[in-house]
Amino acid sequence: MAHKRTHEMGRGGVCTCPKCETKIPHKRGVPCIKTICPECGAKMLRVDSEHHKSFLNKKKK
């Protein structure tokens, strides 16, 4: 049986661009990773998500 992933980050929040650091409000029901940065066209990340934390850890190294 496949594991169903659920995201429980709640309402609100912020999407941030890993390239140019533009921040926009998170839209409910639309994952930030599927949101394109209005400034540079990169995929955005939800602040405090696993993807964002992983990005920050890689950036530190």
C-alpha atoms as a PDB file:
ATOM      1  CA  MET A   1       0.000   0.000   0.000  1.00  0.00           C
ATOM      2  CA  ALA A   2       1.362   3.408  -0.968  1.00  0.00           C
ATOM      3  CA  HIS A   3       1.962   5.963   1.744  1.00  0.00           C
ATOM      4  CA  LYS A   4      -0.248   9.016   1.330  1.00  0.00           C
ATOM      5  CA  ARG A   5       1.611  12.200   2.144  1.00  0.00           C
ATOM      6  CA  THR A   6      -0.274  14.888   3.983  1.00  0.00           C
ATOM      7  CA  HIS A   7       0.869  18.395   4.702  1.00  0.00           C
ATOM      8  CA  GLU A   8      -0.322  19.981   7.874  1.00  0.00           C
ATOM      9  CA  MET A   9       1.184  23.432   7.829  1.00  0.00           C
ATOM     10  CA  GLY A  10      -2.147  25.120   8.344  1.00  0.00           C
ATOM     11  CA  ARG A  11      -3.508  28.314   6.873  1.00  0.00           C
ATOM     12  CA  GLY A  12      -1.482  31.348   6.110  1.00  0.00           C
ATOM     13  CA  GLY A  13       2.241  31.238   5.786  1.00  0.00           C
ATOM     14  CA  VAL A  14       4.674  32.546   3.239  1.00  0.00           C
ATOM     15  CA  CYS A  15       6.171  31.221   0.013  1.00  0.00           C
ATOM     16  CA  THR A  16       9.778  32.250  -0.592  1.00  0.00           C
ATOM     17  CA  CYS A  17      11.985  32.046  -3.666  1.00  0.00           C
ATOM     18  CA  PRO A  18      15.265  30.173  -3.142  1.00  0.00           C
ATOM     19  CA  LYS A  19      16.953  32.204  -5.918  1.00  0.00           C
ATOM     20  CA  CYS A  20      15.959  35.843  -5.417  1.00  0.00           C
ATOM     21  CA  GLU A  21      14.378  35.600  -1.921  1.00  0.00           C
ATOM     22  CA  THR A  22      11.067  37.170  -3.022  1.00  0.00           C
ATOM     23  CA  LYS A  23       8.317  36.433  -0.516  1.00  0.00           C
ATOM     24  CA  ILE A  24       4.580  36.188  -1.256  1.00  0.00           C
ATOM     25  CA  PRO A  25       1.614  35.067   0.878  1.00  0.00           C
ATOM     26  CA  HIS A  26       0.803  31.353   0.636  1.00  0.00           C
ATOM     27  CA  LYS A  27      -2.435  30.612  -1.245  1.00  0.00           C
ATOM     28  CA  ARG A  28      -4.585  28.035   0.489  1.00  0.00           C
ATOM     29  CA  GLY A  29      -4.814  24.790  -1.505  1.00  0.00           C
ATOM     30  CA  VAL A  30      -1.860  25.625  -3.777  1.00  0.00           C
ATOM     31  CA  PRO A  31       1.496  24.154  -2.721  1.00  0.00           C
ATOM     32  CA  CYS A  32       4.278  26.746  -2.784  1.00  0.00           C
ATOM     33  CA  ILE A  33       6.423  24.300  -4.772  1.00  0.00           C
ATOM     34  CA  LYS A  34       3.856  24.630  -7.577  1.00  0.00           C
ATOM     35  CA  THR A  35       3.934  28.425  -7.363  1.00  0.00           C
ATOM     36  CA  ILE A  36       6.296  30.260  -9.711  1.00  0.00           C
ATOM     37  CA  CYS A  37       8.223  33.273  -8.451  1.00  0.00           C
ATOM     38  CA  PRO A  38       6.812  36.448 -10.011  1.00  0.00           C
ATOM     39  CA  GLU A  39      10.317  37.996 -10.122  1.00  0.00           C
ATOM     40  CA  CYS A  40      12.595  35.276 -11.539  1.00  0.00           C
ATOM     41  CA  GLY A  41      10.403  32.282 -12.487  1.00  0.00           C
ATOM     42  CA  ALA A  42      11.855  29.756 -10.010  1.00  0.00           C
ATOM     43  CA  LYS A  43       9.705  27.325  -8.023  1.00  0.00           C
ATOM     44  CA  MET A  44       8.957  28.687  -4.578  1.00  0.00           C
ATOM     45  CA  LEU A  45       9.241  27.022  -1.164  1.00  0.00           C
ATOM     46  CA  ARG A  46       6.993  27.286   1.879  1.00  0.00           C
ATOM     47  CA  VAL A  47       8.820  28.865   4.790  1.00  0.00           C
ATOM     48  CA  ASP A  48       9.461  26.240   7.536  1.00  0.00           C
ATOM     49  CA  SER A  49       8.524  23.316   5.246  1.00  0.00           C
ATOM     50  CA  GLU A  50      10.818  20.285   4.913  1.00  0.00           C
ATOM     51  CA  HIS A  51      11.864  21.519   1.443  1.00  0.00           C
ATOM     52  CA  HIS A  52      12.746  24.941   2.833  1.00  0.00           C
ATOM     53  CA  LYS A  53      14.706  23.491   5.773  1.00  0.00           C
ATOM     54  CA  SER A  54      16.614  21.182   3.417  1.00  0.00           C
ATOM     55  CA  PHE A  55      17.415  24.141   1.135  1.00  0.00           C
ATOM     56  CA  LEU A  56      18.697  26.212   4.070  1.00  0.00           C
ATOM     57  CA  ASN A  57      20.902  23.326   5.271  1.00  0.00           C
ATOM     58  CA  LYS A  58      22.423  22.931   1.794  1.00  0.00           C
ATOM     59  CA  LYS A  59      22.937  26.698   1.537  1.00  0.00           C
ATOM     60  CA  LYS A  60      24.915  26.734   4.818  1.00  0.00           C
ATOM     61  CA  LYS A  61      27.432  24.176   3.487  1.00  0.00           C
END
